[in-house]
């Protein structure tokens, strides 16, 4: 039988893992948001490089401060543990907030590679000649055709990212900045040009090739 202390330790570990992933995603999204869509090449990535240097400088500064004043750990460690406990699920049956529900099961007769290719083709088709597409528009299109009916926007994003489809925190499309997928971040279009339909829906269980 699990004791209360073991349950607390498990919550602390789970919460620390969730909190670490959450903060890493936020930092990565903030760095990616520095990319300029109106430029190309190195000039477009200068904002990302600058933000990455700021993050590295901040981490180094924090390390130096802790080295100079180790007593700060008496404040930082309890604060981190408290935040981890708040982020952790409270019961064994509760799903962590960063986890998305299971994706739809793979349709009979479709291999994971075929479904993954169909998903990439579907996203490319929705982007068309634009620089990218907002997640809200992509999810609305999918749900209008009976796909991902049980997903909200955060879980839809988590589903895409688990399939190694990169999502930018801020993408300017049609004059508006929102989370979205940039065409340059996607793998090339599948050679066969399959499109998702009733027998081949996007994003089933897990891809075998990304």
Protein backbone atom coordinates (compact mmCIF):
# COMPACT_ATOMS: atom_id res chain seq x y z
CA UNK A 1 0.00 0.00 0.00
CA UNK A 2 1.31 3.44 -0.88
CA UNK A 3 1.95 5.62 2.14
CA UNK A 4 1.15 9.32 2.20
CA UNK A 5 4.88 10.10 2.09
CA UNK A 6 5.35 7.92 -1.01
CA UNK A 7 2.33 9.52 -2.63
CA UNK A 8 3.76 12.97 -1.90
CA UNK A 9 7.14 11.98 -3.32
CA UNK A 10 5.49 10.63 -6.46
CA UNK A 11 3.52 13.84 -6.90
CA UNK A 12 6.71 15.85 -6.44
CA UNK A 13 8.53 13.86 -9.14
CA UNK A 14 5.59 13.99 -11.56
CA UNK A 15 5.10 17.69 -10.94
CA UNK A 16 8.79 18.48 -11.42
CA UNK A 17 8.75 16.64 -14.74
CA UNK A 18 5.62 18.46 -15.91
CA UNK A 19 6.95 21.83 -14.73
CA UNK A 20 10.30 21.28 -16.47
CA UNK A 21 8.61 20.37 -19.76
CA UNK A 22 6.26 23.33 -19.49
CA UNK A 23 9.04 25.84 -18.85
CA UNK A 24 11.25 24.34 -21.57
CA UNK A 25 8.38 24.66 -24.07
CA UNK A 26 7.74 28.26 -23.08
CA UNK A 27 11.41 29.18 -23.43
CA UNK A 28 11.68 27.40 -26.79
CA UNK A 29 8.50 29.09 -28.02
CA UNK A 30 9.80 32.49 -26.91
CA UNK A 31 13.06 31.90 -28.78
CA UNK A 32 11.25 30.74 -31.94
CA UNK A 33 9.00 33.80 -31.81
CA UNK A 34 12.06 35.95 -32.49
CA UNK A 35 12.22 34.75 -36.09
CA UNK A 36 11.33 37.37 -38.72
CA UNK A 37 8.93 36.06 -41.36
CA UNK A 38 9.57 39.08 -43.57
CA UNK A 39 13.26 38.19 -43.93
CA UNK A 40 15.18 35.14 -45.14
CA UNK A 41 18.38 33.34 -44.27
CA UNK A 42 20.53 34.41 -41.34
CA UNK A 43 18.82 37.79 -41.06
CA UNK A 44 15.51 36.08 -40.29
CA UNK A 45 17.11 34.02 -37.50
CA UNK A 46 18.98 36.87 -35.78
CA UNK A 47 16.11 37.44 -33.35
CA UNK A 48 16.14 33.76 -32.35
CA UNK A 49 19.91 33.86 -31.84
CA UNK A 50 19.65 36.99 -29.69
CA UNK A 51 16.92 35.46 -27.53
CA UNK A 52 18.90 32.23 -27.12
CA UNK A 53 21.89 34.28 -25.95
CA UNK A 54 19.65 36.10 -23.45
CA UNK A 55 18.44 32.77 -22.06
CA UNK A 56 22.01 31.47 -21.81
CA UNK A 57 23.15 34.68 -20.12
CA UNK A 58 20.29 34.48 -17.65
CA UNK A 59 21.12 30.87 -16.77
CA UNK A 60 24.78 31.77 -16.30
CA UNK A 61 23.90 34.76 -14.13
CA UNK A 62 21.63 32.61 -11.94
CA UNK A 63 24.43 30.06 -11.55
CA UNK A 64 26.89 32.78 -10.53
CA UNK A 65 24.43 34.25 -8.01
CA UNK A 66 23.85 30.83 -6.43
CA UNK A 67 27.61 30.18 -6.32
CA UNK A 68 28.09 33.52 -4.58
CA UNK A 69 25.16 33.06 -2.18
CA UNK A 70 24.33 29.34 -1.70
CA UNK A 71 21.85 30.26 1.05
CA UNK A 72 19.45 31.29 -1.73
CA UNK A 73 18.81 27.58 -2.31
CA UNK A 74 16.88 27.54 0.98
CA UNK A 75 14.37 29.76 -0.82
CA UNK A 76 14.63 28.51 -4.41
CA UNK A 77 14.35 24.78 -3.69
CA UNK A 78 11.18 25.02 -1.55
CA UNK A 79 9.67 27.39 -4.14
CA UNK A 80 10.38 24.89 -6.91
CA UNK A 81 8.95 22.00 -4.86
CA UNK A 82 5.80 24.00 -4.11
CA UNK A 83 5.36 24.83 -7.80
CA UNK A 84 5.96 21.17 -8.74
CA UNK A 85 3.31 19.97 -6.29
CA UNK A 86 0.83 22.46 -7.71
CA UNK A 87 1.56 21.26 -11.25
CA UNK A 88 1.22 17.56 -10.40
CA UNK A 89 -2.05 15.63 -10.70
CA UNK A 90 -3.70 15.16 -7.32
CA UNK A 91 -4.82 11.56 -7.79
CA UNK A 92 -3.50 8.51 -9.55
CA UNK A 93 -6.39 8.63 -12.01
CA UNK A 94 -6.05 12.29 -12.89
CA UNK A 95 -4.19 13.01 -16.10
CA UNK A 96 -1.27 15.48 -15.93
CA UNK A 97 -2.27 18.86 -17.38
CA UNK A 98 0.44 18.70 -20.03
CA UNK A 99 -0.75 15.34 -21.38
CA UNK A 100 -3.21 15.21 -24.27
CA UNK A 101 -5.81 12.45 -24.62
CA UNK A 102 -5.09 9.51 -26.86
CA UNK A 103 -5.27 10.23 -30.55
CA UNK A 104 -7.87 8.44 -32.68
CA UNK A 105 -7.09 4.82 -33.49
CA UNK A 106 -5.56 4.08 -36.83
CA UNK A 107 -8.09 3.25 -39.53
CA UNK A 108 -8.05 -0.37 -40.76
CA UNK A 109 -5.85 -0.89 -43.80
CA UNK A 110 -3.68 2.18 -43.21
CA UNK A 111 -0.08 1.93 -42.06
CA UNK A 112 1.37 4.56 -39.66
CA UNK A 113 3.58 5.83 -42.50
CA UNK A 114 0.57 6.33 -44.79
CA UNK A 115 -1.39 8.17 -42.13
CA UNK A 116 1.60 10.35 -41.22
CA UNK A 117 2.16 11.21 -44.90
CA UNK A 118 -1.54 11.99 -45.23
CA UNK A 119 -1.35 14.34 -42.26
CA UNK A 120 1.61 16.24 -43.71
CA UNK A 121 -0.17 16.49 -47.05
CA UNK A 122 -3.30 17.75 -45.30
CA UNK A 123 -1.36 20.48 -43.47
CA UNK A 124 0.45 21.50 -46.68
CA UNK A 125 -2.89 21.72 -48.48
CA UNK A 126 -4.35 23.97 -45.79
CA UNK A 127 -1.29 26.25 -45.90
CA UNK A 128 -1.44 26.43 -49.72
CA UNK A 129 0.53 29.49 -50.89
CA UNK A 130 0.67 31.19 -47.49
CA UNK A 131 3.67 31.24 -45.16
CA UNK A 132 1.81 29.10 -42.63
CA UNK A 133 -1.46 28.46 -40.83
CA UNK A 134 -2.76 29.23 -37.36
CA UNK A 135 -3.56 26.23 -35.16
CA UNK A 136 -7.07 27.54 -34.53
CA UNK A 137 -7.82 27.53 -38.27
CA UNK A 138 -6.31 24.07 -38.74
CA UNK A 139 -8.31 22.61 -35.84
CA UNK A 140 -11.53 24.25 -37.03
CA UNK A 141 -11.06 22.74 -40.48
CA UNK A 142 -10.40 19.29 -38.99
CA UNK A 143 -13.42 19.42 -36.67
CA UNK A 144 -15.64 20.60 -39.53
CA UNK A 145 -14.80 17.29 -41.21
CA UNK A 146 -15.37 15.19 -38.10
CA UNK A 147 -11.75 14.90 -36.94
CA UNK A 148 -10.31 15.71 -33.47
CA UNK A 149 -13.80 16.42 -32.15
CA UNK A 150 -12.67 15.83 -28.55
CA UNK A 151 -9.58 18.05 -28.63
CA UNK A 152 -9.23 21.66 -27.59
CA UNK A 153 -6.45 23.89 -28.92
CA UNK A 154 -3.76 23.10 -26.26
CA UNK A 155 -4.27 19.34 -26.63
CA UNK A 156 -4.32 19.62 -30.43
CA UNK A 157 -0.97 21.41 -30.24
CA UNK A 158 0.43 18.74 -27.89
CA UNK A 159 -0.72 16.06 -30.33
CA UNK A 160 1.05 17.70 -33.25
CA UNK A 161 4.26 18.25 -31.29
CA UNK A 162 4.33 14.61 -30.17
CA UNK A 163 4.33 13.79 -33.87
CA UNK A 164 7.33 16.09 -34.35
CA UNK A 165 5.30 18.68 -36.23
CA UNK A 166 6.79 21.96 -34.94
CA UNK A 167 4.47 24.72 -33.75
CA UNK A 168 5.57 28.34 -33.36
CA UNK A 169 4.25 30.33 -30.42
CA UNK A 170 3.69 33.37 -32.65
CA UNK A 171 3.15 33.15 -36.39
CA UNK A 172 1.95 36.10 -38.46
CA UNK A 173 -0.66 35.04 -41.02
CA UNK A 174 -3.17 37.46 -42.48
CA UNK A 175 -1.86 40.28 -40.29
CA UNK A 176 -2.46 38.40 -37.01
CA UNK A 177 0.08 36.77 -34.69
CA UNK A 178 -1.08 33.47 -33.17
CA UNK A 179 0.35 29.99 -32.52
CA UNK A 180 0.74 28.25 -35.84
CA UNK A 181 2.76 26.06 -38.19
CA UNK A 182 5.23 27.70 -40.59
CA UNK A 183 5.64 26.03 -43.96
CA UNK A 184 9.46 26.12 -43.66
CA UNK A 185 9.31 24.06 -40.45
CA UNK A 186 7.44 21.18 -42.11
CA UNK A 187 9.07 18.18 -43.80
CA UNK A 188 8.64 18.07 -47.59
CA UNK A 189 5.29 17.01 -48.99
CA UNK A 190 4.90 13.24 -49.36
CA UNK A 191 5.74 12.04 -52.84
CA UNK A 192 2.45 10.21 -53.27
CA UNK A 193 0.31 13.20 -52.29
CA UNK A 194 -2.14 11.21 -50.15
CA UNK A 195 -4.90 13.20 -48.52
CA UNK A 196 -6.69 12.24 -45.28
CA UNK A 197 -10.21 10.98 -45.63
CA UNK A 198 -12.68 8.57 -44.00
CA UNK A 199 -10.31 5.61 -44.45
CA UNK A 200 -7.16 7.53 -43.62
CA UNK A 201 -7.48 10.13 -40.91
CA UNK A 202 -4.63 12.35 -39.71
CA UNK A 203 -2.64 11.54 -36.58
CA UNK A 204 -3.60 8.09 -35.29
CA UNK A 205 -1.52 6.48 -32.51
CA UNK A 206 2.20 7.01 -33.07
CA UNK A 207 4.31 7.56 -36.19
CA UNK A 208 7.01 5.05 -37.06
CA UNK A 209 8.78 7.56 -39.27
CA UNK A 210 8.82 11.29 -38.70
